[in-house]
């Protein structure tokens, strides 16, 4: 299943694809179709275009078993006690994924500031499982449903900001967020007729801007 995405630059087109699909860079194969042109004084510019293909994953049962074993080993090495539950889900565009939820007491250390430690833990689990299975499979790690709670908080905040932008007719820039959080903002406001969203910046400094939609 191939999908094409366009933006001003190749990097922006890739970021747009990752946010829409809800996956990381490691979970897709990217082909640059058009590099794009900036033009002169805005004239003759052409958007960049990339073709993105979600990578085929190994049998879900194998991924679940290996990922749980890796996660259990990491918790032991970190000296953290917790029980792990798993649930097979489907993310955007039907790409299968498995979510692991860690339950226990005093697990805030695994979440970190704005979920940064949790993101690193998820990345490490994905990397180790992908190396073992020789494939790239979407794996989500959560702590006591932190991501679900964060999702609801960001949804409410995004709607408040959309109303503010609409009334004041002035853009609003969120603080730097992870791709998971940026995607929540984009999805929540996708159907708003009065505002639009875009991501700017790169790496950990990437941010979402909510702008008035010009008629």
N, C-alpha and C. Protein backbone atom coordinates (compact mmCIF):
# COMPACT_ATOMS: atom_id res chain seq x y z
N UNK A 1 0.84 -1.19 0.00
CA UNK A 1 0.00 0.00 0.00
C UNK A 1 0.88 1.25 0.00
N UNK A 2 0.97 1.90 -1.14
CA UNK A 2 1.79 3.10 -1.27
C UNK A 2 0.93 4.35 -1.18
N UNK A 3 1.47 5.37 -0.54
CA UNK A 3 0.77 6.66 -0.41
C UNK A 3 1.74 7.77 -0.73
N UNK A 4 1.24 8.81 -1.36
CA UNK A 4 2.08 9.94 -1.74
C UNK A 4 1.71 11.16 -0.90
N UNK A 5 2.75 11.92 -0.51
CA UNK A 5 2.55 13.12 0.31
C UNK A 5 3.37 14.26 -0.28
N UNK A 6 2.80 15.46 -0.24
CA UNK A 6 3.46 16.64 -0.78
C UNK A 6 3.63 17.71 0.30
N UNK A 7 4.71 18.48 0.17
CA UNK A 7 4.96 19.61 1.07
C UNK A 7 6.04 20.47 0.41
N UNK A 8 6.42 21.55 1.06
CA UNK A 8 7.41 22.45 0.48
C UNK A 8 8.77 21.78 0.34
N UNK A 9 9.13 20.94 1.33
CA UNK A 9 10.41 20.25 1.29
C UNK A 9 10.20 18.75 1.49
N UNK A 10 11.23 17.97 1.17
CA UNK A 10 11.15 16.52 1.35
C UNK A 10 10.94 16.18 2.82
N UNK A 11 11.68 16.85 3.71
CA UNK A 11 11.56 16.57 5.14
C UNK A 11 10.15 16.85 5.65
N UNK A 12 9.56 17.94 5.20
CA UNK A 12 8.20 18.28 5.63
C UNK A 12 7.20 17.26 5.10
N UNK A 13 7.43 16.78 3.89
CA UNK A 13 6.53 15.77 3.31
C UNK A 13 6.61 14.47 4.10
N UNK A 14 7.82 14.10 4.51
CA UNK A 14 7.99 12.88 5.30
C UNK A 14 7.32 13.03 6.66
N UNK A 15 7.53 14.18 7.30
CA UNK A 15 6.91 14.42 8.60
C UNK A 15 5.38 14.39 8.50
N UNK A 16 4.86 14.94 7.43
CA UNK A 16 3.41 14.93 7.23
C UNK A 16 2.90 13.50 7.10
N UNK A 17 3.66 12.67 6.39
CA UNK A 17 3.27 11.27 6.22
C UNK A 17 3.28 10.53 7.56
N UNK A 18 4.33 10.74 8.35
CA UNK A 18 4.45 10.05 9.64
C UNK A 18 3.32 10.45 10.58
N UNK A 19 2.99 11.73 10.58
CA UNK A 19 1.94 12.22 11.47
C UNK A 19 0.57 11.69 11.05
N UNK A 20 0.33 11.64 9.74
CA UNK A 20 -0.97 11.17 9.26
C UNK A 20 -1.13 9.67 9.49
N UNK A 21 -0.04 8.93 9.31
CA UNK A 21 -0.11 7.48 9.47
C UNK A 21 0.04 7.04 10.93
N UNK A 22 0.56 7.95 11.77
CA UNK A 22 0.75 7.61 13.17
C UNK A 22 1.86 6.60 13.40
N UNK A 23 2.94 6.69 12.60
CA UNK A 23 4.05 5.75 12.72
C UNK A 23 5.35 6.52 12.84
N UNK A 24 6.42 5.82 13.15
CA UNK A 24 7.74 6.43 13.22
C UNK A 24 8.47 6.24 11.89
N UNK A 25 9.60 6.91 11.74
CA UNK A 25 10.38 6.83 10.49
C UNK A 25 10.85 5.41 10.23
N UNK A 26 11.07 4.63 11.31
CA UNK A 26 11.57 3.28 11.15
C UNK A 26 10.53 2.31 10.60
N UNK A 27 9.27 2.72 10.57
CA UNK A 27 8.19 1.81 10.20
C UNK A 27 7.73 1.96 8.75
N UNK A 28 8.40 2.81 7.99
CA UNK A 28 8.00 3.02 6.61
C UNK A 28 9.22 3.07 5.69
N UNK A 29 8.96 2.78 4.43
CA UNK A 29 9.98 2.94 3.39
C UNK A 29 9.63 4.19 2.60
N UNK A 30 10.59 5.10 2.43
CA UNK A 30 10.32 6.38 1.78
C UNK A 30 11.10 6.49 0.48
N UNK A 31 10.39 6.85 -0.58
CA UNK A 31 11.01 7.12 -1.87
C UNK A 31 10.73 8.57 -2.24
N UNK A 32 11.79 9.31 -2.54
CA UNK A 32 11.63 10.70 -2.94
C UNK A 32 11.26 10.74 -4.42
N UNK A 33 10.07 11.21 -4.72
CA UNK A 33 9.60 11.29 -6.10
C UNK A 33 10.01 12.61 -6.73
N UNK A 34 9.81 13.70 -5.99
CA UNK A 34 10.19 15.03 -6.46
C UNK A 34 10.90 15.77 -5.35
N UNK A 35 12.07 16.34 -5.64
CA UNK A 35 12.83 17.09 -4.63
C UNK A 35 12.16 18.42 -4.30
N UNK A 36 11.42 18.96 -5.27
CA UNK A 36 10.79 20.26 -5.05
C UNK A 36 11.71 21.40 -5.45
N UNK A 37 11.12 22.55 -5.77
CA UNK A 37 11.89 23.73 -6.15
C UNK A 37 11.35 24.94 -5.40
N UNK A 38 12.25 25.80 -4.96
CA UNK A 38 11.83 26.99 -4.21
C UNK A 38 11.38 28.10 -5.13
N UNK A 39 11.92 28.16 -6.35
CA UNK A 39 11.55 29.23 -7.28
C UNK A 39 12.20 30.55 -6.89
N UNK A 40 11.87 31.56 -7.63
CA UNK A 40 12.42 32.91 -7.39
C UNK A 40 11.27 33.83 -7.03
N UNK A 41 11.35 34.42 -5.83
CA UNK A 41 10.29 35.30 -5.34
C UNK A 41 8.93 34.61 -5.37
N UNK A 42 8.98 33.30 -5.11
CA UNK A 42 7.73 32.54 -5.06
C UNK A 42 7.22 32.08 -6.41
N UNK A 43 7.91 32.49 -7.48
CA UNK A 43 7.47 32.10 -8.83
C UNK A 43 8.20 30.84 -9.28
N UNK A 44 7.46 29.93 -9.86
CA UNK A 44 8.07 28.71 -10.39
C UNK A 44 8.37 27.67 -9.33
N UNK A 45 7.89 27.84 -8.12
CA UNK A 45 8.15 26.87 -7.06
C UNK A 45 7.31 25.61 -7.28
N UNK A 46 7.86 24.49 -6.88
CA UNK A 46 7.16 23.21 -7.01
C UNK A 46 7.30 22.45 -5.70
N UNK A 47 6.23 21.79 -5.25
CA UNK A 47 6.30 21.06 -3.98
C UNK A 47 7.13 19.78 -4.11
N UNK A 48 7.68 19.36 -2.98
CA UNK A 48 8.37 18.07 -2.93
C UNK A 48 7.32 16.99 -2.77
N UNK A 49 7.61 15.79 -3.26
CA UNK A 49 6.68 14.69 -3.12
C UNK A 49 7.43 13.42 -2.75
N UNK A 50 6.90 12.69 -1.77
CA UNK A 50 7.49 11.42 -1.37
C UNK A 50 6.44 10.32 -1.46
N UNK A 51 6.90 9.12 -1.72
CA UNK A 51 6.02 7.96 -1.75
C UNK A 51 6.36 7.11 -0.54
N UNK A 52 5.38 6.84 0.30
CA UNK A 52 5.60 6.15 1.57
C UNK A 52 4.89 4.80 1.57
N UNK A 53 5.62 3.76 1.96
CA UNK A 53 5.05 2.41 2.04
C UNK A 53 5.29 1.85 3.43
N UNK A 54 4.21 1.57 4.20
CA UNK A 54 4.38 0.92 5.50
C UNK A 54 5.07 -0.43 5.32
N UNK A 55 6.05 -0.71 6.15
CA UNK A 55 6.79 -1.95 6.03
C UNK A 55 5.98 -3.13 6.53
N UNK A 56 6.16 -4.25 5.86
CA UNK A 56 5.45 -5.47 6.23
C UNK A 56 5.99 -5.99 7.56
N UNK A 57 5.10 -6.32 8.45
CA UNK A 57 5.52 -6.82 9.76
C UNK A 57 5.47 -8.35 9.80
N UNK A 58 6.16 -8.92 10.78
CA UNK A 58 6.15 -10.37 10.96
C UNK A 58 4.84 -10.74 11.63
N UNK A 59 4.51 -12.05 11.73
CA UNK A 59 3.26 -12.45 12.39
C UNK A 59 3.08 -11.77 13.73
N UNK A 60 1.85 -11.28 13.98
CA UNK A 60 1.60 -10.48 15.16
C UNK A 60 1.94 -11.21 16.46
N UNK A 61 1.65 -12.52 16.51
CA UNK A 61 1.93 -13.27 17.72
C UNK A 61 3.40 -13.28 18.06
N UNK A 62 4.25 -13.40 17.05
CA UNK A 62 5.69 -13.43 17.25
C UNK A 62 6.17 -12.08 17.77
N UNK A 63 5.66 -11.00 17.17
CA UNK A 63 6.04 -9.67 17.60
C UNK A 63 5.64 -9.43 19.05
N UNK A 64 4.41 -9.81 19.39
CA UNK A 64 3.90 -9.61 20.75
C UNK A 64 4.75 -10.35 21.77
N UNK A 65 5.07 -11.60 21.47
CA UNK A 65 5.85 -12.42 22.40
C UNK A 65 7.25 -11.85 22.60
N UNK A 66 7.90 -11.48 21.50
CA UNK A 66 9.26 -10.95 21.59
C UNK A 66 9.29 -9.59 22.29
N UNK A 67 8.33 -8.74 21.94
CA UNK A 67 8.31 -7.41 22.52
C UNK A 67 8.05 -7.47 24.02
N UNK A 68 7.15 -8.33 24.45
CA UNK A 68 6.86 -8.45 25.88
C UNK A 68 8.09 -8.94 26.63
N UNK A 69 8.82 -9.90 26.04
CA UNK A 69 10.03 -10.42 26.68
C UNK A 69 11.08 -9.32 26.81
N UNK A 70 11.23 -8.52 25.75
CA UNK A 70 12.19 -7.41 25.78
C UNK A 70 11.81 -6.40 26.85
N UNK A 71 10.53 -6.05 26.90
CA UNK A 71 10.06 -5.06 27.86
C UNK A 71 10.23 -5.56 29.29
N UNK A 72 9.93 -6.84 29.53
CA UNK A 72 10.10 -7.42 30.87
C UNK A 72 11.57 -7.38 31.28
N UNK A 73 12.47 -7.68 30.35
CA UNK A 73 13.91 -7.65 30.64
C UNK A 73 14.38 -6.24 30.96
N UNK A 74 13.89 -5.26 30.22
CA UNK A 74 14.28 -3.87 30.47
C UNK A 74 13.81 -3.40 31.84
N UNK A 75 12.60 -3.79 32.24
CA UNK A 75 12.09 -3.41 33.55
C UNK A 75 12.95 -4.00 34.66
N UNK A 76 13.37 -5.25 34.48
CA UNK A 76 14.24 -5.89 35.48
C UNK A 76 15.56 -5.15 35.58
N UNK A 77 16.15 -4.83 34.45
CA UNK A 77 17.44 -4.12 34.43
C UNK A 77 17.33 -2.73 35.06
N UNK A 78 16.16 -2.12 34.93
CA UNK A 78 15.93 -0.79 35.49
C UNK A 78 15.50 -0.85 36.95
N UNK A 79 15.26 -2.05 37.45
CA UNK A 79 14.84 -2.19 38.83
C UNK A 79 13.42 -1.71 39.07
N UNK A 80 12.57 -1.82 38.06
CA UNK A 80 11.18 -1.37 38.15
C UNK A 80 10.25 -2.57 38.15
N UNK A 81 9.31 -2.61 39.08
CA UNK A 81 8.34 -3.68 39.14
C UNK A 81 7.03 -3.25 38.50
N UNK A 82 6.48 -4.10 37.67
CA UNK A 82 5.21 -3.78 37.02
C UNK A 82 4.71 -4.95 36.22
N UNK A 83 3.40 -5.03 36.03
CA UNK A 83 2.81 -6.07 35.20
C UNK A 83 2.52 -5.49 33.82
N UNK A 84 2.57 -6.34 32.81
CA UNK A 84 2.42 -5.89 31.42
C UNK A 84 1.22 -6.57 30.77
N UNK A 85 0.35 -5.77 30.21
CA UNK A 85 -0.76 -6.31 29.42
C UNK A 85 -0.56 -5.87 27.97
N UNK A 86 -1.11 -6.63 27.03
CA UNK A 86 -0.95 -6.29 25.61
C UNK A 86 -2.29 -6.34 24.90
N UNK A 87 -2.41 -5.55 23.86
CA UNK A 87 -3.64 -5.51 23.06
C UNK A 87 -3.28 -5.21 21.61
N UNK A 88 -3.73 -6.07 20.71
CA UNK A 88 -3.49 -5.86 19.28
C UNK A 88 -4.53 -4.88 18.77
N UNK A 89 -4.06 -3.86 18.06
CA UNK A 89 -4.94 -2.82 17.56
C UNK A 89 -4.62 -2.55 16.09
N UNK A 90 -5.35 -1.60 15.52
CA UNK A 90 -5.05 -1.12 14.18
C UNK A 90 -4.98 0.39 14.23
N UNK A 91 -3.94 0.93 13.61
CA UNK A 91 -3.81 2.38 13.56
C UNK A 91 -4.26 2.87 12.21
N UNK A 92 -4.03 4.15 11.92
CA UNK A 92 -4.48 4.76 10.68
C UNK A 92 -4.05 3.96 9.45
N UNK A 93 -4.94 3.88 8.49
CA UNK A 93 -4.70 3.17 7.23
C UNK A 93 -4.58 1.67 7.42
N UNK A 94 -5.08 1.14 8.56
CA UNK A 94 -5.11 -0.30 8.75
C UNK A 94 -3.78 -0.94 9.07
N UNK A 95 -2.76 -0.18 9.43
CA UNK A 95 -1.47 -0.75 9.78
C UNK A 95 -1.58 -1.39 11.17
N UNK A 96 -1.34 -2.70 11.31
CA UNK A 96 -1.51 -3.36 12.60
C UNK A 96 -0.46 -2.93 13.61
N UNK A 97 -0.83 -2.89 14.87
CA UNK A 97 0.11 -2.54 15.92
C UNK A 97 -0.27 -3.29 17.18
N UNK A 98 0.65 -3.37 18.12
CA UNK A 98 0.36 -3.97 19.41
C UNK A 98 0.74 -2.96 20.49
N UNK A 99 -0.16 -2.76 21.45
CA UNK A 99 0.06 -1.81 22.53
C UNK A 99 0.34 -2.57 23.83
N UNK A 100 1.43 -2.20 24.49
CA UNK A 100 1.76 -2.77 25.80
C UNK A 100 1.53 -1.71 26.86
N UNK A 101 0.78 -2.07 27.88
CA UNK A 101 0.49 -1.15 28.97
C UNK A 101 1.13 -1.70 30.24
N UNK A 102 1.96 -0.88 30.87
CA UNK A 102 2.65 -1.30 32.10
C UNK A 102 1.86 -0.77 33.29
N UNK A 103 1.55 -1.67 34.24
CA UNK A 103 0.79 -1.28 35.42
C UNK A 103 1.63 -1.53 36.67
N UNK A 104 1.49 -0.64 37.63
CA UNK A 104 2.23 -0.80 38.88
C UNK A 104 2.22 0.48 39.69
N UNK A 105 3.00 0.49 40.76
CA UNK A 105 3.09 1.67 41.64
C UNK A 105 4.33 2.48 41.30
N UNK A 106 4.19 3.80 41.45
CA UNK A 106 5.33 4.72 41.28
C UNK A 106 6.05 4.53 39.94
N UNK A 107 5.27 4.54 38.86
CA UNK A 107 5.86 4.35 37.53
C UNK A 107 6.13 5.67 36.80
N UNK A 108 5.98 6.79 37.54
CA UNK A 108 6.23 8.08 36.92
C UNK A 108 7.62 8.20 36.34
N UNK A 109 8.58 7.49 36.92
CA UNK A 109 9.96 7.54 36.43
C UNK A 109 10.06 7.03 34.99
N UNK A 110 9.12 6.16 34.60
CA UNK A 110 9.14 5.62 33.24
C UNK A 110 8.46 6.55 32.23
N UNK A 111 7.75 7.55 32.74
CA UNK A 111 7.08 8.49 31.84
C UNK A 111 7.97 9.68 31.54
N UNK A 112 8.53 10.29 32.59
CA UNK A 112 9.42 11.43 32.39
C UNK A 112 8.68 12.70 32.02
N UNK A 113 9.43 13.76 31.81
CA UNK A 113 8.85 15.06 31.48
C UNK A 113 8.21 15.02 30.10
N UNK A 114 6.91 15.34 30.05
CA UNK A 114 6.12 15.34 28.82
C UNK A 114 6.25 14.01 28.07
N UNK A 115 6.45 12.92 28.83
CA UNK A 115 6.48 11.60 28.23
C UNK A 115 7.77 11.26 27.49
N UNK A 116 8.84 12.03 27.73
CA UNK A 116 10.08 11.81 26.98
C UNK A 116 10.73 10.47 27.30
N UNK A 117 10.72 10.09 28.59
CA UNK A 117 11.30 8.80 28.97
C UNK A 117 10.49 7.66 28.37
N UNK A 118 9.18 7.80 28.38
CA UNK A 118 8.31 6.78 27.78
C UNK A 118 8.57 6.64 26.29
N UNK A 119 8.77 7.76 25.61
CA UNK A 119 9.07 7.71 24.17
C UNK A 119 10.39 6.99 23.92
N UNK A 120 11.39 7.23 24.78
CA UNK A 120 12.69 6.57 24.63
C UNK A 120 12.56 5.07 24.89
N UNK A 121 11.75 4.70 25.89
CA UNK A 121 11.54 3.29 26.19
C UNK A 121 10.87 2.60 25.01
N UNK A 122 9.86 3.23 24.44
CA UNK A 122 9.17 2.67 23.28
C UNK A 122 10.13 2.50 22.11
N UNK A 123 10.97 3.52 21.87
CA UNK A 123 11.93 3.45 20.77
C UNK A 123 12.90 2.28 20.97
N UNK A 124 13.36 2.10 22.22
CA UNK A 124 14.32 1.03 22.51
C UNK A 124 13.69 -0.34 22.29
N UNK A 125 12.45 -0.51 22.74
CA UNK A 125 11.76 -1.80 22.55
C UNK A 125 11.58 -2.08 21.06
N UNK A 126 11.13 -1.07 20.32
CA UNK A 126 10.95 -1.24 18.87
C UNK A 126 12.25 -1.63 18.20
N UNK A 127 13.33 -0.93 18.55
CA UNK A 127 14.63 -1.19 17.93
C UNK A 127 15.09 -2.62 18.19
N UNK A 128 14.99 -3.08 19.43
CA UNK A 128 15.46 -4.41 19.79
C UNK A 128 14.62 -5.50 19.12
N UNK A 129 13.30 -5.31 19.09
CA UNK A 129 12.43 -6.30 18.45
C UNK A 129 12.65 -6.33 16.94
N UNK A 130 12.82 -5.15 16.35
CA UNK A 130 13.05 -5.10 14.91
C UNK A 130 14.36 -5.79 14.51
N UNK A 131 15.37 -5.65 15.37
CA UNK A 131 16.63 -6.32 15.10
C UNK A 131 16.49 -7.84 15.21
N UNK A 132 15.67 -8.28 16.15
CA UNK A 132 15.47 -9.72 16.35
C UNK A 132 14.65 -10.34 15.22
N UNK A 133 13.63 -9.62 14.76
CA UNK A 133 12.72 -10.17 13.76
C UNK A 133 13.12 -9.82 12.33
N UNK A 134 14.12 -8.95 12.18
CA UNK A 134 14.57 -8.51 10.85
C UNK A 134 13.42 -7.82 10.10
N UNK A 135 12.57 -7.13 10.82
CA UNK A 135 11.47 -6.40 10.20
C UNK A 135 11.18 -5.19 11.07
N UNK A 136 10.20 -4.42 10.66
CA UNK A 136 9.82 -3.23 11.43
C UNK A 136 8.34 -3.29 11.72
N UNK A 137 8.02 -3.46 12.98
CA UNK A 137 6.63 -3.63 13.38
C UNK A 137 6.22 -2.51 14.34
N UNK A 138 5.03 -1.93 14.14
CA UNK A 138 4.56 -0.88 15.04
C UNK A 138 4.32 -1.43 16.44
N UNK A 139 5.05 -0.92 17.41
CA UNK A 139 4.90 -1.32 18.80
C UNK A 139 4.68 -0.07 19.63
N UNK A 140 3.64 -0.07 20.47
CA UNK A 140 3.34 1.08 21.30
C UNK A 140 3.49 0.67 22.76
N UNK A 141 4.20 1.48 23.53
CA UNK A 141 4.38 1.23 24.96
C UNK A 141 3.71 2.35 25.74
N UNK A 142 2.87 1.98 26.71
CA UNK A 142 2.16 2.97 27.51
C UNK A 142 2.33 2.63 28.99
N UNK A 143 2.12 3.62 29.84
CA UNK A 143 2.24 3.44 31.29
C UNK A 143 0.93 3.84 31.94
N UNK A 144 0.22 2.88 32.50
CA UNK A 144 -1.04 3.18 33.20
C UNK A 144 -1.96 4.08 32.36
N UNK A 145 -2.04 3.79 31.07
CA UNK A 145 -2.91 4.54 30.15
C UNK A 145 -2.54 6.03 30.07
N UNK A 146 -1.27 6.35 30.31
CA UNK A 146 -0.82 7.75 30.25
C UNK A 146 -1.15 8.38 28.91
N UNK A 147 -0.90 7.65 27.81
CA UNK A 147 -1.10 8.23 26.49
C UNK A 147 -2.58 8.51 26.22
N UNK A 148 -3.46 7.66 26.71
CA UNK A 148 -4.89 7.92 26.53
C UNK A 148 -5.31 9.17 27.29
N UNK A 149 -4.81 9.32 28.51
CA UNK A 149 -5.14 10.51 29.29
C UNK A 149 -4.56 11.76 28.63
N UNK A 150 -3.33 11.65 28.15
CA UNK A 150 -2.69 12.77 27.47
C UNK A 150 -3.44 13.13 26.20
N UNK A 151 -3.96 12.13 25.51
CA UNK A 151 -4.72 12.34 24.28
C UNK A 151 -5.94 13.22 24.58
N UNK A 152 -6.68 12.87 25.65
CA UNK A 152 -7.88 13.62 25.98
C UNK A 152 -7.55 15.06 26.39
N UNK A 153 -6.47 15.22 27.14
CA UNK A 153 -6.07 16.57 27.57
C UNK A 153 -5.71 17.43 26.37
N UNK A 154 -4.94 16.87 25.43
CA UNK A 154 -4.53 17.63 24.25
C UNK A 154 -5.70 17.92 23.33
N UNK A 155 -6.65 16.98 23.23
CA UNK A 155 -7.85 17.24 22.44
C UNK A 155 -8.59 18.46 22.96
N UNK A 156 -8.81 18.50 24.27
CA UNK A 156 -9.53 19.63 24.87
C UNK A 156 -8.76 20.93 24.68
N UNK A 157 -7.45 20.87 24.89
CA UNK A 157 -6.63 22.08 24.75
C UNK A 157 -6.62 22.57 23.31
N UNK A 158 -6.54 21.63 22.36
CA UNK A 158 -6.54 22.00 20.94
C UNK A 158 -7.82 22.72 20.56
N UNK A 159 -8.95 22.24 21.07
CA UNK A 159 -10.23 22.88 20.77
C UNK A 159 -10.30 24.29 21.37
N UNK A 160 -9.76 24.46 22.58
CA UNK A 160 -9.73 25.78 23.20
C UNK A 160 -8.88 26.75 22.38
N UNK A 161 -7.73 26.26 21.91
CA UNK A 161 -6.85 27.11 21.11
C UNK A 161 -7.50 27.46 19.78
N UNK A 162 -8.22 26.51 19.19
CA UNK A 162 -8.89 26.77 17.92
C UNK A 162 -9.89 27.91 18.08
N UNK A 163 -10.64 27.90 19.19
CA UNK A 163 -11.60 28.98 19.43
C UNK A 163 -10.88 30.30 19.64
N UNK A 164 -9.76 30.25 20.33
CA UNK A 164 -8.97 31.47 20.57
C UNK A 164 -8.45 32.05 19.26
N UNK A 165 -7.93 31.18 18.41
CA UNK A 165 -7.40 31.63 17.12
C UNK A 165 -8.50 32.20 16.25
N UNK A 166 -9.67 31.57 16.28
CA UNK A 166 -10.80 32.04 15.49
C UNK A 166 -11.26 33.43 15.95
N UNK A 167 -11.37 33.62 17.27
CA UNK A 167 -11.86 34.89 17.81
C UNK A 167 -10.84 36.01 17.63
N UNK A 168 -9.58 35.71 17.92
CA UNK A 168 -8.54 36.74 17.86
C UNK A 168 -7.95 36.92 16.46
N UNK A 169 -8.26 35.96 15.56
CA UNK A 169 -7.72 36.00 14.19
C UNK A 169 -6.20 36.11 14.22
N UNK A 170 -5.60 35.32 15.10
CA UNK A 170 -4.15 35.34 15.26
C UNK A 170 -3.65 33.93 15.54
N UNK A 171 -2.54 33.55 14.93
CA UNK A 171 -2.04 32.19 15.06
C UNK A 171 -1.53 31.89 16.47
N UNK A 172 -1.45 30.62 16.78
CA UNK A 172 -0.93 30.16 18.07
C UNK A 172 0.07 29.05 17.82
N UNK A 173 1.24 29.10 18.50
CA UNK A 173 2.27 28.08 18.35
C UNK A 173 2.40 27.28 19.63
N UNK A 174 2.22 25.97 19.53
CA UNK A 174 2.39 25.09 20.69
C UNK A 174 3.87 24.92 21.01
N UNK A 175 4.17 24.53 22.22
CA UNK A 175 5.54 24.20 22.59
C UNK A 175 5.97 22.96 21.82
N UNK A 176 7.27 22.69 21.71
CA UNK A 176 7.72 21.50 20.99
C UNK A 176 7.05 20.24 21.54
N UNK A 177 6.64 19.36 20.62
CA UNK A 177 5.93 18.14 21.02
C UNK A 177 6.50 16.94 20.26
N UNK A 178 6.19 15.76 20.78
CA UNK A 178 6.54 14.53 20.09
C UNK A 178 5.62 14.35 18.89
N UNK A 179 5.97 13.44 18.00
CA UNK A 179 5.12 13.19 16.83
C UNK A 179 3.74 12.68 17.26
N UNK A 180 3.70 11.90 18.34
CA UNK A 180 2.43 11.40 18.87
C UNK A 180 1.52 12.56 19.28
N UNK A 181 2.08 13.54 19.98
CA UNK A 181 1.27 14.67 20.44
C UNK A 181 0.89 15.60 19.30
N UNK A 182 1.81 15.84 18.37
CA UNK A 182 1.50 16.70 17.22
C UNK A 182 0.36 16.10 16.40
N UNK A 183 0.38 14.79 16.25
CA UNK A 183 -0.67 14.13 15.47
C UNK A 183 -2.03 14.33 16.12
N UNK A 184 -2.08 14.32 17.45
CA UNK A 184 -3.35 14.54 18.15
C UNK A 184 -3.91 15.91 17.79
N UNK A 185 -3.06 16.94 17.80
CA UNK A 185 -3.51 18.29 17.46
C UNK A 185 -4.03 18.35 16.03
N UNK A 186 -3.27 17.78 15.11
CA UNK A 186 -3.68 17.80 13.69
C UNK A 186 -5.02 17.09 13.49
N UNK A 187 -5.18 15.91 14.09
CA UNK A 187 -6.40 15.14 13.91
C UNK A 187 -7.60 15.85 14.54
N UNK A 188 -7.40 16.39 15.75
CA UNK A 188 -8.50 17.05 16.46
C UNK A 188 -9.04 18.24 15.69
N UNK A 189 -8.16 18.99 15.04
CA UNK A 189 -8.58 20.22 14.36
C UNK A 189 -8.75 20.05 12.85
N UNK A 190 -8.63 18.82 12.37
CA UNK A 190 -8.70 18.59 10.92
C UNK A 190 -10.02 19.03 10.31
N UNK A 191 -11.12 18.91 11.06
CA UNK A 191 -12.44 19.23 10.52
C UNK A 191 -12.91 20.64 10.87
N UNK A 192 -12.07 21.42 11.50
CA UNK A 192 -12.46 22.80 11.84
C UNK A 192 -12.39 23.66 10.58
N UNK A 193 -13.48 24.34 10.27
CA UNK A 193 -13.53 25.14 9.04
C UNK A 193 -12.84 26.48 9.20
N UNK A 194 -12.66 26.94 10.45
CA UNK A 194 -12.11 28.29 10.65
C UNK A 194 -10.60 28.31 10.85
N UNK A 195 -9.97 27.15 11.14
CA UNK A 195 -8.53 27.14 11.40
C UNK A 195 -7.87 26.00 10.64
N UNK A 196 -6.55 26.10 10.51
CA UNK A 196 -5.76 25.04 9.90
C UNK A 196 -4.51 24.85 10.74
N UNK A 197 -3.83 23.73 10.58
CA UNK A 197 -2.63 23.45 11.36
C UNK A 197 -1.47 23.07 10.46
N UNK A 198 -0.27 23.29 10.96
CA UNK A 198 0.93 22.84 10.26
C UNK A 198 2.05 22.64 11.27
N UNK A 199 2.98 21.77 10.95
CA UNK A 199 4.14 21.53 11.80
C UNK A 199 5.35 22.25 11.24
N UNK A 200 6.16 22.83 12.13
CA UNK A 200 7.37 23.53 11.71
C UNK A 200 8.52 23.09 12.61
N UNK A 201 9.74 23.34 12.15
CA UNK A 201 10.91 22.97 12.92
C UNK A 201 11.34 21.55 12.62
N UNK A 202 12.32 21.07 13.35
CA UNK A 202 12.84 19.73 13.11
C UNK A 202 13.23 19.07 14.43
N UNK A 203 13.25 17.75 14.41
CA UNK A 203 13.68 16.99 15.58
C UNK A 203 12.82 17.26 16.80
N UNK A 204 13.48 17.39 17.95
CA UNK A 204 12.77 17.61 19.21
C UNK A 204 12.16 19.01 19.29
N UNK A 205 12.56 19.91 18.40
CA UNK A 205 12.04 21.27 18.43
C UNK A 205 10.84 21.46 17.49
N UNK A 206 10.34 20.37 16.91
CA UNK A 206 9.22 20.49 15.97
C UNK A 206 7.95 20.89 16.73
N UNK A 207 7.22 21.87 16.18
CA UNK A 207 6.05 22.42 16.84
C UNK A 207 4.85 22.45 15.89
N UNK A 208 3.67 22.59 16.47
CA UNK A 208 2.44 22.73 15.70
C UNK A 208 1.97 24.18 15.80
N UNK A 209 1.58 24.74 14.66
CA UNK A 209 1.02 26.09 14.62
C UNK A 209 -0.43 25.98 14.18
N UNK A 210 -1.31 26.67 14.90
CA UNK A 210 -2.73 26.76 14.53
C UNK A 210 -2.94 28.15 13.95
N UNK A 211 -3.45 28.21 12.72
CA UNK A 211 -3.60 29.47 12.02
C UNK A 211 -5.05 29.70 11.60
N UNK A 212 -5.47 30.95 11.50
CA UNK A 212 -6.80 31.23 10.95
C UNK A 212 -6.83 30.77 9.49
N UNK A 213 -7.92 30.15 9.10
CA UNK A 213 -8.04 29.70 7.71
C UNK A 213 -8.63 30.86 6.89
N UNK A 214 -7.86 31.25 5.90
CA UNK A 214 -8.30 32.37 5.04
C UNK A 214 -9.30 31.87 4.01
N UNK A 215 -10.42 32.56 3.91
CA UNK A 215 -11.46 32.17 2.97
C UNK A 215 -11.17 32.81 1.62
